[in-house]
Amino acid sequence: MKQILIINGPNLNLLGKREPTIYGNRSFVQYLETLEALFPDVQLRYFQSNHEGELIDKIHELGFEVTGIVINAGAYTHTSIAIADALSAVTAPAVEVHISNVHAREEFRHHSYLSAKCKGVVVGLGLMGYEMAVRYLMNNVE
């Protein structure tokens, strides 16, 4: 069975409560049930942390085992060379996801340290971006 690791970074534990006009009104745990129903033949492993080192540790722990990684590193996207290095260090291909259109937001959000280490980037399509990332990894990775 294929396994996909979904990693969410800081403040994404507040989905459903945080700025619902930008991020919607569903928690990620609620949305994860939708993903599991859409992909019954995939084991989705979910991890969220507000701490950079914990995100890196999870990439190291599972990045050689899983079929792929879907990562929304939140604000660390724009600051963390260390997370980018962790993605480079493991064999699992990654897809970067952003719920909001980061290019329509503050200037500092326009640059990602992770994008160059990922197979692709899904931006601004809400939670559906996770579905698209999982679908890509399931159809394009052995």
Protein backbone atom coordinates (compact mmCIF):
# COMPACT_ATOMS: atom_id res chain seq x y z
CA MET A 1 0.00 0.00 0.00
CA LYS A 2 1.32 3.43 -0.89
CA GLN A 3 1.88 5.85 1.96
CA ILE A 4 1.76 9.62 1.76
CA LEU A 5 3.03 11.82 4.57
CA ILE A 6 1.12 15.07 4.93
CA ILE A 7 3.00 17.69 6.95
CA ASN A 8 1.48 20.96 8.11
CA GLY A 9 3.58 23.63 9.76
CA PRO A 10 2.93 26.46 12.18
CA ASN A 11 -0.55 27.82 12.80
CA LEU A 12 -2.20 25.24 10.54
CA ASN A 13 -3.51 23.55 13.68
CA LEU A 14 -5.89 26.55 13.77
CA LEU A 15 -7.57 25.79 10.44
CA GLY A 16 -11.30 26.27 10.82
CA LYS A 17 -10.74 29.01 13.40
CA ARG A 18 -7.95 31.12 11.94
CA GLU A 19 -8.95 33.77 9.39
CA PRO A 20 -11.79 31.76 7.86
CA THR A 21 -12.10 34.19 4.93
CA ILE A 22 -8.62 33.09 3.85
CA TYR A 23 -8.38 29.51 5.17
CA GLY A 24 -11.99 28.31 5.32
CA ASN A 25 -14.01 26.98 8.23
CA ARG A 26 -12.92 23.31 8.30
CA SER A 27 -10.19 21.93 10.51
CA PHE A 28 -7.54 19.89 8.78
CA VAL A 29 -8.53 16.84 10.79
CA GLN A 30 -12.06 17.18 9.37
CA TYR A 31 -10.64 17.56 5.87
CA LEU A 32 -8.35 14.55 6.38
CA GLU A 33 -11.47 12.36 6.61
CA THR A 34 -12.44 13.59 3.14
CA LEU A 35 -8.97 12.76 1.81
CA GLU A 36 -9.10 9.29 3.34
CA ALA A 37 -12.45 8.65 1.65
CA LEU A 38 -11.07 9.87 -1.69
CA PHE A 39 -7.98 7.66 -1.43
CA PRO A 40 -9.02 4.42 0.30
CA ASP A 41 -6.01 2.54 -1.12
CA VAL A 42 -3.50 5.00 0.33
CA GLN A 43 -2.27 5.22 3.88
CA LEU A 44 -2.25 8.92 4.72
CA ARG A 45 0.06 9.77 7.60
CA TYR A 46 -0.56 13.21 9.05
CA PHE A 47 1.74 15.36 11.16
CA GLN A 48 1.45 18.97 12.28
CA SER A 49 3.82 21.02 14.39
CA ASN A 50 4.49 24.64 15.17
CA HIS A 51 8.18 23.79 15.68
CA GLU A 52 10.68 23.74 12.83
CA GLY A 53 12.88 21.01 14.30
CA GLU A 54 9.92 18.68 14.76
CA LEU A 55 8.98 19.10 11.09
CA ILE A 56 12.56 18.29 10.09
CA ASP A 57 12.64 15.28 12.40
CA LYS A 58 9.43 13.90 10.84
CA ILE A 59 10.82 14.33 7.33
CA HIS A 60 13.97 12.45 8.40
CA GLU A 61 11.95 9.75 10.18
CA LEU A 62 9.56 8.90 7.34
CA GLY A 63 11.13 10.43 4.23
CA PHE A 64 12.86 7.18 3.24
CA GLU A 65 9.74 5.03 3.80
CA VAL A 66 6.77 6.85 2.31
CA THR A 67 5.81 7.12 -1.35
CA GLY A 68 5.70 10.90 -1.16
CA ILE A 69 5.37 13.96 1.03
CA VAL A 70 2.76 16.71 0.84
CA ILE A 71 4.08 19.69 2.76
CA ASN A 72 2.55 22.98 3.78
CA ALA A 73 5.29 24.44 5.94
CA GLY A 74 3.30 27.60 6.64
CA ALA A 75 5.53 30.59 7.30
CA TYR A 76 8.60 28.32 7.39
CA THR A 77 8.20 28.08 3.62
CA HIS A 78 9.64 31.56 3.38
CA THR A 79 12.37 31.24 6.00
CA SER A 80 13.60 27.67 6.42
CA ILE A 81 16.62 26.52 4.49
CA ALA A 82 16.76 23.67 7.02
CA ILE A 83 13.38 22.24 5.93
CA ALA A 84 14.46 22.58 2.29
CA ASP A 85 17.66 20.68 3.11
CA ALA A 86 15.63 17.96 4.87
CA LEU A 87 13.46 17.51 1.77
CA SER A 88 16.62 17.20 -0.33
CA ALA A 89 18.11 14.65 2.05
CA VAL A 90 15.32 12.06 1.79
CA THR A 91 14.22 9.89 -1.13
CA ALA A 92 10.48 10.63 -1.01
CA PRO A 93 9.42 13.23 -3.56
CA ALA A 94 7.48 16.18 -2.19
CA VAL A 95 4.73 18.51 -3.35
CA GLU A 96 4.42 21.91 -1.70
CA VAL A 97 0.90 23.13 -0.90
CA HIS A 98 -0.44 26.53 0.12
CA ILE A 99 -4.11 27.01 0.93
CA SER A 100 -4.07 30.72 0.11
CA ASN A 101 -2.60 32.39 -2.95
CA VAL A 102 0.69 33.45 -1.42
CA HIS A 103 1.45 35.57 -4.50
CA ALA A 104 -1.55 37.77 -3.75
CA ARG A 105 -0.39 38.35 -0.20
CA GLU A 106 2.53 40.14 1.46
CA GLU A 107 5.75 40.42 -0.52
CA PHE A 108 7.73 38.19 1.86
CA ARG A 109 5.38 35.29 1.03
CA HIS A 110 6.32 35.38 -2.65
CA HIS A 111 9.54 33.41 -2.13
CA SER A 112 9.71 29.77 -1.11
CA TYR A 113 12.87 27.95 -0.06
CA LEU A 114 11.01 24.66 -0.56
CA SER A 115 9.76 24.96 -4.13
CA ALA A 116 13.07 24.05 -5.75
CA LYS A 117 13.18 20.85 -3.69
CA CYS A 118 9.64 19.78 -4.68
CA LYS A 119 8.15 18.12 -7.75
CA GLY A 120 5.46 20.79 -7.86
CA VAL A 121 3.59 23.48 -6.01
CA VAL A 122 -0.17 23.91 -5.54
CA VAL A 123 -1.10 27.45 -4.53
CA GLY A 124 -4.36 29.19 -3.70
CA LEU A 125 -6.88 26.39 -4.26
CA GLY A 126 -7.86 25.98 -0.64
CA LEU A 127 -7.83 22.57 0.97
CA MET A 128 -8.36 21.02 -2.46
CA GLY A 129 -4.65 21.61 -3.02
CA TYR A 130 -3.88 18.67 -0.72
CA GLU A 131 -6.08 16.39 -2.82
CA MET A 132 -4.30 17.51 -5.97
CA ALA A 133 -0.90 16.90 -4.39
CA VAL A 134 -1.85 13.40 -3.20
CA ARG A 135 -3.33 12.58 -6.61
CA TYR A 136 -0.13 13.70 -8.32
CA LEU A 137 2.06 11.60 -6.03
CA MET A 138 -0.17 8.54 -6.47
CA ASN A 139 -0.14 8.80 -10.27
CA ASN A 140 3.43 9.90 -10.90
CA VAL A 141 5.62 8.16 -8.31
CA GLU A 142 6.55 4.49 -8.11
